[in-house]
Structure formats: structure tokens, C-alpha cells
PDB file of N, CA and C in Angstrom:
ATOM      1  N   UNK A   1     -31.415 -44.343  29.860  1.00  0.00           N
ATOM      2  CA  UNK A   1     -31.437 -45.370  28.893  1.00  0.00           C
ATOM      3  C   UNK A   1     -32.458 -45.002  27.742  1.00  0.00           C
ATOM      4  N   UNK A   2     -33.386 -44.620  28.349  1.00  0.00           N
ATOM      5  CA  UNK A   2     -34.619 -44.365  27.272  1.00  0.00           C
ATOM      6  C   UNK A   2     -34.246 -43.240  26.361  1.00  0.00           C
ATOM      7  N   UNK A   3     -33.447 -42.256  26.745  1.00  0.00           N
ATOM      8  CA  UNK A   3     -33.030 -41.136  26.013  1.00  0.00           C
ATOM      9  C   UNK A   3     -32.075 -41.489  24.865  1.00  0.00           C
ATOM     10  N   UNK A   4     -31.257 -42.547  25.374  1.00  0.00           N
ATOM     11  CA  UNK A   4     -30.127 -43.037  24.420  1.00  0.00           C
ATOM     12  C   UNK A   4     -30.886 -43.907  23.433  1.00  0.00           C
ATOM     13  N   UNK A   5     -31.888 -44.775  23.680  1.00  0.00           N
ATOM     14  CA  UNK A   5     -32.614 -45.583  22.884  1.00  0.00           C
ATOM     15  C   UNK A   5     -33.427 -44.499  21.763  1.00  0.00           C
ATOM     16  N   UNK A   6     -33.905 -43.385  22.381  1.00  0.00           N
ATOM     17  CA  UNK A   6     -34.563 -42.577  21.478  1.00  0.00           C
ATOM     18  C   UNK A   6     -33.654 -41.988  20.379  1.00  0.00           C
ATOM     19  N   UNK A   7     -32.655 -41.543  20.747  1.00  0.00           N
ATOM     20  CA  UNK A   7     -31.377 -40.906  19.970  1.00  0.00           C
ATOM     21  C   UNK A   7     -31.114 -41.994  18.963  1.00  0.00           C
ATOM     22  N   UNK A   8     -30.789 -43.059  19.354  1.00  0.00           N
ATOM     23  CA  UNK A   8     -30.359 -44.154  18.339  1.00  0.00           C
ATOM     24  C   UNK A   8     -31.502 -44.568  17.352  1.00  0.00           C
ATOM     25  N   UNK A   9     -32.743 -44.467  17.783  1.00  0.00           N
ATOM     26  CA  UNK A   9     -33.836 -44.799  16.865  1.00  0.00           C
ATOM     27  C   UNK A   9     -33.977 -43.671  15.884  1.00  0.00           C
ATOM     28  N   UNK A  10     -33.460 -42.500  16.004  1.00  0.00           N
ATOM     29  CA  UNK A  10     -33.474 -41.430  14.976  1.00  0.00           C
ATOM     30  C   UNK A  10     -32.343 -41.382  14.029  1.00  0.00           C
ATOM     31  N   UNK A  11     -31.367 -42.308  14.185  1.00  0.00           N
ATOM     32  CA  UNK A  11     -30.219 -42.247  13.389  1.00  0.00           C
ATOM     33  C   UNK A  11     -30.205 -43.372  12.343  1.00  0.00           C
ATOM     34  N   UNK A  12     -29.366 -42.946  11.225  1.00  0.00           N
ATOM     35  CA  UNK A  12     -29.381 -43.954  10.278  1.00  0.00           C
ATOM     36  C   UNK A  12     -28.064 -44.786  10.779  1.00  0.00           C
ATOM     37  N   UNK A  13     -28.161 -46.241  10.814  1.00  0.00           N
ATOM     38  CA  UNK A  13     -27.160 -47.078  11.267  1.00  0.00           C
ATOM     39  C   UNK A  13     -25.691 -46.761  10.536  1.00  0.00           C
ATOM     40  N   UNK A  14     -25.970 -46.513   9.164  1.00  0.00           N
ATOM     41  CA  UNK A  14     -24.663 -46.676   8.339  1.00  0.00           C
ATOM     42  C   UNK A  14     -23.865 -45.301   8.362  1.00  0.00           C
ATOM     43  N   UNK A  15     -24.745 -44.313   8.241  1.00  0.00           N
ATOM     44  CA  UNK A  15     -24.206 -42.825   8.121  1.00  0.00           C
ATOM     45  C   UNK A  15     -24.077 -42.129   9.387  1.00  0.00           C
ATOM     46  N   UNK A  16     -25.000 -42.402  10.471  1.00  0.00           N
ATOM     47  CA  UNK A  16     -24.939 -41.756  11.619  1.00  0.00           C
ATOM     48  C   UNK A  16     -25.776 -40.240  11.464  1.00  0.00           C
ATOM     49  N   UNK A  17     -26.352 -40.128  10.212  1.00  0.00           N
ATOM     50  CA  UNK A  17     -27.205 -38.863  10.117  1.00  0.00           C
ATOM     51  C   UNK A  17     -28.612 -39.133  10.587  1.00  0.00           C
ATOM     52  N   UNK A  18     -29.443 -38.243  10.577  1.00  0.00           N
ATOM     53  CA  UNK A  18     -30.761 -38.437  11.041  1.00  0.00           C
ATOM     54  C   UNK A  18     -31.257 -39.560  10.019  1.00  0.00           C
ATOM     55  N   UNK A  19     -32.284 -40.286  10.460  1.00  0.00           N
ATOM     56  CA  UNK A  19     -32.924 -41.331   9.467  1.00  0.00           C
ATOM     57  C   UNK A  19     -34.195 -40.624   8.899  1.00  0.00           C
ATOM     58  N   UNK A  20     -34.922 -41.470   8.241  1.00  0.00           N
ATOM     59  CA  UNK A  20     -35.978 -40.895   7.423  1.00  0.00           C
ATOM     60  C   UNK A  20     -37.160 -40.430   8.320  1.00  0.00           C
ATOM     61  N   UNK A  21     -37.319 -41.153   9.297  1.00  0.00           N
ATOM     62  CA  UNK A  21     -38.336 -40.806  10.400  1.00  0.00           C
ATOM     63  C   UNK A  21     -38.205 -39.512  11.004  1.00  0.00           C
ATOM     64  N   UNK A  22     -36.907 -39.339  11.538  1.00  0.00           N
ATOM     65  CA  UNK A  22     -36.436 -38.122  11.839  1.00  0.00           C
ATOM     66  C   UNK A  22     -36.523 -36.990  11.137  1.00  0.00           C
ATOM     67  N   UNK A  23     -36.178 -37.159   9.769  1.00  0.00           N
ATOM     68  CA  UNK A  23     -36.416 -36.154   8.715  1.00  0.00           C
ATOM     69  C   UNK A  23     -37.793 -35.647   8.744  1.00  0.00           C
ATOM     70  N   UNK A  24     -38.705 -36.698   8.649  1.00  0.00           N
ATOM     71  CA  UNK A  24     -40.168 -36.375   8.485  1.00  0.00           C
ATOM     72  C   UNK A  24     -40.672 -35.643   9.598  1.00  0.00           C
ATOM     73  N   UNK A  25     -40.195 -35.986  10.778  1.00  0.00           N
ATOM     74  CA  UNK A  25     -40.571 -35.179  11.965  1.00  0.00           C
ATOM     75  C   UNK A  25     -39.987 -33.747  11.980  1.00  0.00           C
ATOM     76  N   UNK A  26     -38.769 -33.514  11.617  1.00  0.00           N
ATOM     77  CA  UNK A  26     -38.150 -32.074  11.587  1.00  0.00           C
ATOM     78  C   UNK A  26     -38.797 -31.481  10.539  1.00  0.00           C
ATOM     79  N   UNK A  27     -39.147 -32.058   9.407  1.00  0.00           N
ATOM     80  CA  UNK A  27     -39.633 -31.295   8.320  1.00  0.00           C
ATOM     81  C   UNK A  27     -41.213 -30.800   8.560  1.00  0.00           C
ATOM     82  N   UNK A  28     -41.908 -31.649   9.137  1.00  0.00           N
ATOM     83  CA  UNK A  28     -43.170 -31.195   9.531  1.00  0.00           C
ATOM     84  C   UNK A  28     -43.124 -30.118  10.599  1.00  0.00           C
ATOM     85  N   UNK A  29     -42.284 -30.185  11.664  1.00  0.00           N
ATOM     86  CA  UNK A  29     -42.048 -29.105  12.591  1.00  0.00           C
ATOM     87  C   UNK A  29     -41.670 -27.810  12.091  1.00  0.00           C
ATOM     88  N   UNK A  30     -40.643 -28.011  11.212  1.00  0.00           N
ATOM     89  CA  UNK A  30     -40.065 -26.640  10.711  1.00  0.00           C
ATOM     90  C   UNK A  30     -41.123 -26.169   9.795  1.00  0.00           C
ATOM     91  N   UNK A  31     -41.909 -26.809   9.002  1.00  0.00           N
ATOM     92  CA  UNK A  31     -42.881 -26.379   8.097  1.00  0.00           C
ATOM     93  C   UNK A  31     -43.816 -25.594   8.760  1.00  0.00           C
ATOM     94  N   UNK A  32     -44.358 -26.306   9.739  1.00  0.00           N
ATOM     95  CA  UNK A  32     -45.186 -25.578  10.775  1.00  0.00           C
ATOM     96  C   UNK A  32     -44.787 -24.235  11.327  1.00  0.00           C
ATOM     97  N   UNK A  33     -43.560 -24.295  11.801  1.00  0.00           N
ATOM     98  CA  UNK A  33     -42.901 -23.104  12.320  1.00  0.00           C
ATOM     99  C   UNK A  33     -42.839 -21.887  11.437  1.00  0.00           C
ATOM    100  N   UNK A  34     -42.539 -22.281  10.136  1.00  0.00           N
ATOM    101  CA  UNK A  34     -42.217 -21.303   9.122  1.00  0.00           C
ATOM    102  C   UNK A  34     -43.673 -20.705   8.626  1.00  0.00           C
ATOM    103  N   UNK A  35     -44.631 -21.623   8.538  1.00  0.00           N
ATOM    104  CA  UNK A  35     -45.930 -21.008   8.426  1.00  0.00           C
ATOM    105  C   UNK A  35     -46.400 -20.031   9.292  1.00  0.00           C
ATOM    106  N   UNK A  36     -46.336 -20.275  10.684  1.00  0.00           N
ATOM    107  CA  UNK A  36     -46.458 -19.379  11.812  1.00  0.00           C
ATOM    108  C   UNK A  36     -45.754 -18.125  11.710  1.00  0.00           C
ATOM    109  N   UNK A  37     -44.498 -18.203  11.447  1.00  0.00           N
ATOM    110  CA  UNK A  37     -43.608 -17.132  11.648  1.00  0.00           C
ATOM    111  C   UNK A  37     -43.582 -16.359  10.357  1.00  0.00           C
ATOM    112  N   UNK A  38     -43.987 -16.925   9.178  1.00  0.00           N
ATOM    113  CA  UNK A  38     -43.554 -16.247   7.923  1.00  0.00           C
ATOM    114  C   UNK A  38     -42.166 -16.385   7.401  1.00  0.00           C
ATOM    115  N   UNK A  39     -41.432 -16.997   8.067  1.00  0.00           N
ATOM    116  CA  UNK A  39     -39.987 -17.299   7.554  1.00  0.00           C
ATOM    117  C   UNK A  39     -39.891 -18.235   6.476  1.00  0.00           C
ATOM    118  N   UNK A  40     -38.675 -18.041   5.717  1.00  0.00           N
ATOM    119  CA  UNK A  40     -38.566 -19.134   4.664  1.00  0.00           C
ATOM    120  C   UNK A  40     -37.970 -20.388   5.294  1.00  0.00           C
ATOM    121  N   UNK A  41     -38.238 -21.324   4.428  1.00  0.00           N
ATOM    122  CA  UNK A  41     -37.622 -22.939   4.695  1.00  0.00           C
ATOM    123  C   UNK A  41     -37.186 -23.429   3.384  1.00  0.00           C
ATOM    124  N   UNK A  42     -35.918 -23.981   3.340  1.00  0.00           N
ATOM    125  CA  UNK A  42     -35.560 -24.545   2.358  1.00  0.00           C
ATOM    126  C   UNK A  42     -35.240 -26.207   2.534  1.00  0.00           C
ATOM    127  N   UNK A  43     -35.314 -26.952   1.525  1.00  0.00           N
ATOM    128  CA  UNK A  43     -35.109 -28.452   1.646  1.00  0.00           C
ATOM    129  C   UNK A  43     -34.445 -28.803   0.460  1.00  0.00           C
ATOM    130  N   UNK A  44     -33.039 -29.266   0.743  1.00  0.00           N
ATOM    131  CA  UNK A  44     -32.204 -29.788  -0.299  1.00  0.00           C
ATOM    132  C   UNK A  44     -32.404 -31.299  -0.479  1.00  0.00           C
ATOM    133  N   UNK A  45     -32.583 -31.878  -1.612  1.00  0.00           N
ATOM    134  CA  UNK A  45     -32.558 -33.371  -1.888  1.00  0.00           C
ATOM    135  C   UNK A  45     -31.426 -33.607  -2.732  1.00  0.00           C
ATOM    136  N   UNK A  46     -30.732 -34.684  -2.458  1.00  0.00           N
ATOM    137  CA  UNK A  46     -29.474 -35.038  -3.011  1.00  0.00           C
ATOM    138  C   UNK A  46     -29.518 -36.534  -3.378  1.00  0.00           C
ATOM    139  N   UNK A  47     -29.432 -36.913  -4.637  1.00  0.00           N
ATOM    140  CA  UNK A  47     -29.412 -38.195  -5.051  1.00  0.00           C
ATOM    141  C   UNK A  47     -28.111 -38.481  -5.785  1.00  0.00           C
ATOM    142  N   UNK A  48     -27.368 -39.708  -5.415  1.00  0.00           N
ATOM    143  CA  UNK A  48     -26.165 -39.895  -5.757  1.00  0.00           C
ATOM    144  C   UNK A  48     -26.261 -40.539  -7.225  1.00  0.00           C
ATOM    145  N   UNK A  49     -25.658 -39.797  -8.260  1.00  0.00           N
ATOM    146  CA  UNK A  49     -25.554 -40.312  -9.550  1.00  0.00           C
ATOM    147  C   UNK A  49     -24.855 -41.713  -9.681  1.00  0.00           C
ATOM    148  N   UNK A  50     -25.482 -42.601 -10.510  1.00  0.00           N
ATOM    149  CA  UNK A  50     -24.757 -43.696 -10.963  1.00  0.00           C
ATOM    150  C   UNK A  50     -24.470 -44.761  -9.791  1.00  0.00           C
ATOM    151  N   UNK A  51     -25.281 -44.521  -8.548  1.00  0.00           N
ATOM    152  CA  UNK A  51     -24.767 -45.266  -7.364  1.00  0.00           C
ATOM    153  C   UNK A  51     -24.943 -46.805  -7.546  1.00  0.00           C
ATOM    154  N   UNK A  52     -25.878 -47.153  -8.312  1.00  0.00           N
ATOM    155  CA  UNK A  52     -26.296 -48.683  -8.542  1.00  0.00           C
ATOM    156  C   UNK A  52     -25.100 -49.176  -9.285  1.00  0.00           C
ATOM    157  N   UNK A  53     -24.612 -48.653 -10.376  1.00  0.00           N
ATOM    158  CA  UNK A  53     -23.470 -49.082 -11.100  1.00  0.00           C
ATOM    159  C   UNK A  53     -22.255 -49.109 -10.207  1.00  0.00           C
ATOM    160  N   UNK A  54     -22.064 -48.073  -9.514  1.00  0.00           N
ATOM    161  CA  UNK A  54     -20.765 -48.023  -8.660  1.00  0.00           C
ATOM    162  C   UNK A  54     -20.753 -49.176  -7.601  1.00  0.00           C
ATOM    163  N   UNK A  55     -22.022 -49.434  -7.039  1.00  0.00           N
ATOM    164  CA  UNK A  55     -22.089 -50.457  -6.075  1.00  0.00           C
ATOM    165  C   UNK A  55     -21.998 -51.780  -6.679  1.00  0.00           C
ATOM    166  N   UNK A  56     -22.651 -52.008  -7.877  1.00  0.00           N
ATOM    167  CA  UNK A  56     -22.424 -53.369  -8.594  1.00  0.00           C
ATOM    168  C   UNK A  56     -20.802 -53.485  -8.833  1.00  0.00           C
ATOM    169  N   UNK A  57     -20.309 -52.508  -9.428  1.00  0.00           N
ATOM    170  CA  UNK A  57     -18.835 -52.689  -9.822  1.00  0.00           C
ATOM    171  C   UNK A  57     -17.899 -52.898  -8.752  1.00  0.00           C
ATOM    172  N   UNK A  58     -18.008 -52.015  -7.843  1.00  0.00           N
ATOM    173  CA  UNK A  58     -16.939 -51.971  -6.737  1.00  0.00           C
ATOM    174  C   UNK A  58     -17.376 -52.817  -5.409  1.00  0.00           C
ATOM    175  N   UNK A  59     -18.712 -53.262  -5.304  1.00  0.00           N
ATOM    176  CA  UNK A  59     -19.144 -54.038  -4.185  1.00  0.00           C
ATOM    177  C   UNK A  59     -19.898 -53.205  -3.180  1.00  0.00           C
ATOM    178  N   UNK A  60     -20.497 -53.961  -2.249  1.00  0.00           N
ATOM    179  CA  UNK A  60     -21.273 -53.310  -1.265  1.00  0.00           C
ATOM    180  C   UNK A  60     -20.542 -52.473  -0.164  1.00  0.00           C
ATOM    181  N   UNK A  61     -19.364 -52.886   0.127  1.00  0.00           N
ATOM    182  CA  UNK A  61     -18.591 -52.206   1.037  1.00  0.00           C
ATOM    183  C   UNK A  61     -18.044 -50.891   0.456  1.00  0.00           C
ATOM    184  N   UNK A  62     -17.619 -50.900  -0.757  1.00  0.00           N
ATOM    185  CA  UNK A  62     -17.278 -49.663  -1.278  1.00  0.00           C
ATOM    186  C   UNK A  62     -18.590 -48.610  -1.415  1.00  0.00           C
ATOM    187  N   UNK A  63     -19.604 -49.166  -1.795  1.00  0.00           N
ATOM    188  CA  UNK A  63     -20.930 -48.357  -1.754  1.00  0.00           C
ATOM    189  C   UNK A  63     -21.229 -47.798  -0.496  1.00  0.00           C
ATOM    190  N   UNK A  64     -20.950 -48.658   0.724  1.00  0.00           N
ATOM    191  CA  UNK A  64     -21.257 -48.138   1.883  1.00  0.00           C
ATOM    192  C   UNK A  64     -20.244 -46.909   2.360  1.00  0.00           C
ATOM    193  N   UNK A  65     -18.944 -47.168   1.971  1.00  0.00           N
ATOM    194  CA  UNK A  65     -17.905 -46.242   2.220  1.00  0.00           C
ATOM    195  C   UNK A  65     -18.181 -44.896   1.452  1.00  0.00           C
ATOM    196  N   UNK A  66     -18.914 -44.877   0.284  1.00  0.00           N
ATOM    197  CA  UNK A  66     -19.083 -43.920  -0.507  1.00  0.00           C
ATOM    198  C   UNK A  66     -20.184 -43.079   0.292  1.00  0.00           C
ATOM    199  N   UNK A  67     -21.238 -43.870   0.840  1.00  0.00           N
ATOM    200  CA  UNK A  67     -22.210 -43.065   1.489  1.00  0.00           C
ATOM    201  C   UNK A  67     -21.854 -42.466   2.745  1.00  0.00           C
ATOM    202  N   UNK A  68     -20.835 -43.130   3.256  1.00  0.00           N
ATOM    203  CA  UNK A  68     -20.377 -42.687   4.678  1.00  0.00           C
ATOM    204  C   UNK A  68     -19.733 -41.302   4.259  1.00  0.00           C
ATOM    205  N   UNK A  69     -18.953 -41.246   3.211  1.00  0.00           N
ATOM    206  CA  UNK A  69     -18.211 -39.988   2.734  1.00  0.00           C
ATOM    207  C   UNK A  69     -19.132 -38.700   2.579  1.00  0.00           C
ATOM    208  N   UNK A  70     -20.130 -39.154   1.790  1.00  0.00           N
ATOM    209  CA  UNK A  70     -21.319 -38.136   1.647  1.00  0.00           C
ATOM    210  C   UNK A  70     -21.867 -37.797   2.759  1.00  0.00           C
ATOM    211  N   UNK A  71     -22.078 -38.490   3.704  1.00  0.00           N
ATOM    212  CA  UNK A  71     -22.612 -37.942   5.014  1.00  0.00           C
ATOM    213  C   UNK A  71     -21.663 -37.191   5.699  1.00  0.00           C
ATOM    214  N   UNK A  72     -20.316 -37.476   5.618  1.00  0.00           N
ATOM    215  CA  UNK A  72     -19.300 -36.686   6.309  1.00  0.00           C
ATOM    216  C   UNK A  72     -19.242 -35.164   5.772  1.00  0.00           C
ATOM    217  N   UNK A  73     -19.566 -35.230   4.403  1.00  0.00           N
ATOM    218  CA  UNK A  73     -19.549 -33.869   3.794  1.00  0.00           C
ATOM    219  C   UNK A  73     -20.895 -33.106   4.296  1.00  0.00           C
ATOM    220  N   UNK A  74     -21.846 -33.771   4.275  1.00  0.00           N
ATOM    221  CA  UNK A  74     -23.271 -33.138   4.791  1.00  0.00           C
ATOM    222  C   UNK A  74     -22.983 -32.628   6.291  1.00  0.00           C
ATOM    223  N   UNK A  75     -22.227 -33.446   7.118  1.00  0.00           N
ATOM    224  CA  UNK A  75     -21.954 -32.950   8.466  1.00  0.00           C
ATOM    225  C   UNK A  75     -21.178 -31.867   8.577  1.00  0.00           C
ATOM    226  N   UNK A  76     -20.143 -31.542   7.652  1.00  0.00           N
ATOM    227  CA  UNK A  76     -19.317 -30.556   7.766  1.00  0.00           C
ATOM    228  C   UNK A  76     -19.850 -29.335   7.210  1.00  0.00           C
ATOM    229  N   UNK A  77     -20.707 -29.394   6.221  1.00  0.00           N
ATOM    230  CA  UNK A  77     -21.289 -28.332   5.537  1.00  0.00           C
ATOM    231  C   UNK A  77     -22.537 -27.902   6.312  1.00  0.00           C
ATOM    232  N   UNK A  78     -22.978 -28.605   7.333  1.00  0.00           N
ATOM    233  CA  UNK A  78     -24.211 -28.154   8.028  1.00  0.00           C
ATOM    234  C   UNK A  78     -23.886 -27.610   9.493  1.00  0.00           C
ATOM    235  N   UNK A  79     -23.437 -26.329   9.247  1.00  0.00           N
ATOM    236  CA  UNK A  79     -23.038 -25.609  10.272  1.00  0.00           C
ATOM    237  C   UNK A  79     -23.860 -24.867  11.299  1.00  0.00           C
ATOM    238  N   UNK A  80     -25.088 -24.829  10.927  1.00  0.00           N
ATOM    239  CA  UNK A  80     -26.094 -24.047  11.770  1.00  0.00           C
ATOM    240  C   UNK A  80     -26.724 -25.265  12.744  1.00  0.00           C
ATOM    241  N   UNK A  81     -26.945 -25.049  13.861  1.00  0.00           N
ATOM    242  CA  UNK A  81     -27.524 -26.029  14.740  1.00  0.00           C
ATOM    243  C   UNK A  81     -28.947 -26.256  14.329  1.00  0.00           C
ATOM    244  N   UNK A  82     -29.789 -25.488  13.728  1.00  0.00           N
ATOM    245  CA  UNK A  82     -31.116 -25.716  13.157  1.00  0.00           C
ATOM    246  C   UNK A  82     -31.328 -26.651  12.000  1.00  0.00           C
ATOM    247  N   UNK A  83     -30.227 -26.538  11.302  1.00  0.00           N
ATOM    248  CA  UNK A  83     -30.347 -27.454   9.947  1.00  0.00           C
ATOM    249  C   UNK A  83     -30.149 -28.914  10.372  1.00  0.00           C
ATOM    250  N   UNK A  84     -30.766 -29.740   9.528  1.00  0.00           N
ATOM    251  CA  UNK A  84     -30.865 -31.201   9.659  1.00  0.00           C
ATOM    252  C   UNK A  84     -30.519 -31.903   8.422  1.00  0.00           C
ATOM    253  N   UNK A  85     -29.367 -32.637   8.475  1.00  0.00           N
ATOM    254  CA  UNK A  85     -29.103 -33.386   7.306  1.00  0.00           C
ATOM    255  C   UNK A  85     -29.540 -34.796   7.722  1.00  0.00           C
ATOM    256  N   UNK A  86     -29.952 -35.604   6.688  1.00  0.00           N
ATOM    257  CA  UNK A  86     -30.693 -36.877   7.031  1.00  0.00           C
ATOM    258  C   UNK A  86     -30.470 -37.858   5.636  1.00  0.00           C
ATOM    259  N   UNK A  87     -30.464 -39.080   6.023  1.00  0.00           N
ATOM    260  CA  UNK A  87     -30.508 -40.152   4.871  1.00  0.00           C
ATOM    261  C   UNK A  87     -31.746 -40.434   4.480  1.00  0.00           C
ATOM    262  N   UNK A  88     -32.471 -39.982   3.496  1.00  0.00           N
ATOM    263  CA  UNK A  88     -33.663 -40.295   3.086  1.00  0.00           C
ATOM    264  C   UNK A  88     -33.977 -41.574   2.647  1.00  0.00           C
ATOM    265  N   UNK A  89     -33.049 -42.296   2.087  1.00  0.00           N
ATOM    266  CA  UNK A  89     -33.252 -43.791   1.822  1.00  0.00           C
ATOM    267  C   UNK A  89     -32.262 -44.216   0.636  1.00  0.00           C
ATOM    268  N   UNK A  90     -31.648 -45.252   0.722  1.00  0.00           N
ATOM    269  CA  UNK A  90     -30.788 -45.849  -0.193  1.00  0.00           C
ATOM    270  C   UNK A  90     -29.641 -44.723  -0.425  1.00  0.00           C
ATOM    271  N   UNK A  91     -29.661 -44.218  -1.673  1.00  0.00           N
ATOM    272  CA  UNK A  91     -28.429 -43.207  -1.918  1.00  0.00           C
ATOM    273  C   UNK A  91     -29.212 -41.720  -2.035  1.00  0.00           C
ATOM    274  N   UNK A  92     -30.131 -41.477  -1.388  1.00  0.00           N
ATOM    275  CA  UNK A  92     -30.789 -40.212  -1.251  1.00  0.00           C
ATOM    276  C   UNK A  92     -30.539 -39.689  -0.023  1.00  0.00           C
ATOM    277  N   UNK A  93     -30.170 -38.279  -0.004  1.00  0.00           N
ATOM    278  CA  UNK A  93     -30.090 -37.585   1.342  1.00  0.00           C
ATOM    279  C   UNK A  93     -30.871 -36.182   1.193  1.00  0.00           C
ATOM    280  N   UNK A  94     -31.309 -35.690   2.351  1.00  0.00           N
ATOM    281  CA  UNK A  94     -32.068 -34.308   2.441  1.00  0.00           C
ATOM    282  C   UNK A  94     -31.400 -33.574   3.507  1.00  0.00           C
ATOM    283  N   UNK A  95     -31.619 -32.184   3.269  1.00  0.00           N
ATOM    284  CA  UNK A  95     -30.970 -31.087   4.209  1.00  0.00           C
ATOM    285  C   UNK A  95     -32.214 -30.180   4.310  1.00  0.00           C
ATOM    286  N   UNK A  96     -32.559 -30.064   5.736  1.00  0.00           N
ATOM    287  CA  UNK A  96     -33.634 -29.112   6.030  1.00  0.00           C
ATOM    288  C   UNK A  96     -32.889 -27.871   6.387  1.00  0.00           C
ATOM    289  N   UNK A  97     -33.414 -26.791   5.787  1.00  0.00           N
ATOM    290  CA  UNK A  97     -32.841 -25.633   6.177  1.00  0.00           C
ATOM    291  C   UNK A  97     -33.775 -24.541   6.624  1.00  0.00           C
ATOM    292  N   UNK A  98     -34.171 -24.570   7.894  1.00  0.00           N
ATOM    293  CA  UNK A  98     -34.933 -23.525   8.405  1.00  0.00           C
ATOM    294  C   UNK A  98     -34.478 -22.066   8.275  1.00  0.00           C
ATOM    295  N   UNK A  99     -35.416 -21.036   8.187  1.00  0.00           N
ATOM    296  CA  UNK A  99     -34.909 -19.712   7.994  1.00  0.00           C
ATOM    297  C   UNK A  99     -33.949 -19.507   6.832  1.00  0.00           C
ATOM    298  N   UNK A 100     -34.226 -20.129   5.848  1.00  0.00           N
ATOM    299  CA  UNK A 100     -33.225 -20.140   4.672  1.00  0.00           C
ATOM    300  C   UNK A 100     -33.946 -19.882   3.374  1.00  0.00           C
ATOM    301  N   UNK A 101     -33.595 -18.907   2.650  1.00  0.00           N
ATOM    302  CA  UNK A 101     -34.326 -18.615   1.368  1.00  0.00           C
ATOM    303  C   UNK A 101     -33.562 -19.341   0.252  1.00  0.00           C
ATOM    304  N   UNK A 102     -34.029 -19.055  -0.972  1.00  0.00           N
ATOM    305  CA  UNK A 102     -33.467 -19.661  -2.184  1.00  0.00           C
ATOM    306  C   UNK A 102     -32.129 -19.249  -2.347  1.00  0.00           C
ATOM    307  N   UNK A 103     -31.579 -18.101  -2.164  1.00  0.00           N
ATOM    308  CA  UNK A 103     -30.224 -17.838  -2.160  1.00  0.00           C
ATOM    309  C   UNK A 103     -29.207 -18.557  -1.192  1.00  0.00           C
ATOM    310  N   UNK A 104     -29.746 -18.482  -0.027  1.00  0.00           N
ATOM    311  CA  UNK A 104     -29.042 -19.528   0.847  1.00  0.00           C
ATOM    312  C   UNK A 104     -29.100 -20.883   0.662  1.00  0.00           C
ATOM    313  N   UNK A 105     -30.095 -21.402   0.068  1.00  0.00           N
ATOM    314  CA  UNK A 105     -30.260 -22.733  -0.307  1.00  0.00           C
ATOM    315  C   UNK A 105     -29.425 -23.064  -1.319  1.00  0.00           C
ATOM    316  N   UNK A 106     -29.147 -22.196  -2.281  1.00  0.00           N
ATOM    317  CA  UNK A 106     -28.213 -22.340  -3.469  1.00  0.00           C
ATOM    318  C   UNK A 106     -26.610 -22.318  -2.998  1.00  0.00           C
ATOM    319  N   UNK A 107     -26.434 -21.564  -2.059  1.00  0.00           N
ATOM    320  CA  UNK A 107     -25.059 -21.396  -1.438  1.00  0.00           C
ATOM    321  C   UNK A 107     -24.716 -22.711  -0.671  1.00  0.00           C
ATOM    322  N   UNK A 108     -25.603 -23.226   0.169  1.00  0.00           N
ATOM    323  CA  UNK A 108     -25.231 -24.380   0.708  1.00  0.00           C
ATOM    324  C   UNK A 108     -25.291 -25.775  -0.264  1.00  0.00           C
ATOM    325  N   UNK A 109     -26.208 -25.658  -1.282  1.00  0.00           N
ATOM    326  CA  UNK A 109     -26.059 -26.739  -2.214  1.00  0.00           C
ATOM    327  C   UNK A 109     -24.813 -26.881  -2.950  1.00  0.00           C
ATOM    328  N   UNK A 110     -24.325 -25.525  -3.286  1.00  0.00           N
ATOM    329  CA  UNK A 110     -23.212 -25.649  -4.139  1.00  0.00           C
ATOM    330  C   UNK A 110     -21.947 -25.932  -3.359  1.00  0.00           C
ATOM    331  N   UNK A 111     -21.991 -25.545  -1.863  1.00  0.00           N
ATOM    332  CA  UNK A 111     -20.859 -26.042  -0.900  1.00  0.00           C
ATOM    333  C   UNK A 111     -20.770 -27.414  -1.010  1.00  0.00           C
ATOM    334  N   UNK A 112     -22.031 -28.206  -0.837  1.00  0.00           N
ATOM    335  CA  UNK A 112     -22.009 -29.574  -0.550  1.00  0.00           C
ATOM    336  C   UNK A 112     -21.340 -30.271  -1.951  1.00  0.00           C
ATOM    337  N   UNK A 113     -21.921 -29.610  -3.076  1.00  0.00           N
ATOM    338  CA  UNK A 113     -21.333 -30.167  -4.487  1.00  0.00           C
ATOM    339  C   UNK A 113     -19.960 -30.082  -4.526  1.00  0.00           C
ATOM    340  N   UNK A 114     -19.344 -29.038  -4.061  1.00  0.00           N
ATOM    341  CA  UNK A 114     -17.935 -28.794  -4.153  1.00  0.00           C
ATOM    342  C   UNK A 114     -17.106 -29.620  -3.452  1.00  0.00           C
TER     343      UNK A 114
END
């Protein structure tokens, strides 16, 4: 039961992605690991353009549906077990990419945008 509560406390309720607290913990751990090992780490930050306008025009349910669709894209493009997609806040998302250099981050970012 405690394990289930711990898991739920690390998830964003709307998108089922990792929440901000889980993101902060993962980034700190991966940053420390990258410093020790000398490996690269990349972090992508995504902000949904014109989300306030969309939400005001089409309503909060449509806005929630939009965020869920974006989360689904992040889940499907996040193929490595070590990567972490998270809802950073509002309409902002982050992806932590351990052992990933600039070229790899650009590839992942392009796949997400497409």
C-alpha cells in the first residue's frame, strides 16, 4: 500500500506523467551521476504555445485534453527506460535524457515536435 501511495504521489494527476517533484528528484540524481561518470545529460523543456488563448477559447476540458495528448506523445517518444518525461507545471513539460548528447537531444526534440 505504501509503495502504491509513493508511486501515486510522484505522478501528475491529469497526464499520468511524472510530476514536478519527481522531475526535480530525477534531475538531481541524473546530474550527480553524469558528474561522477563524465557522461552527457540533456534536458528538454517544452512550453505549449498559445495555451492560455486555447484554454480560454475552447474551455478547460479541451485544454485538459490537449495536455493529455501532449503527454501521450511524450510517453510514446520516450523509448529508453532511463528517460523521464514530466509535467513541469501548467502547460510546461520536461524530458530528462541521461547519457544523451546535444545531437541525441535534437533528435528526440524533433521527434516530439513532429
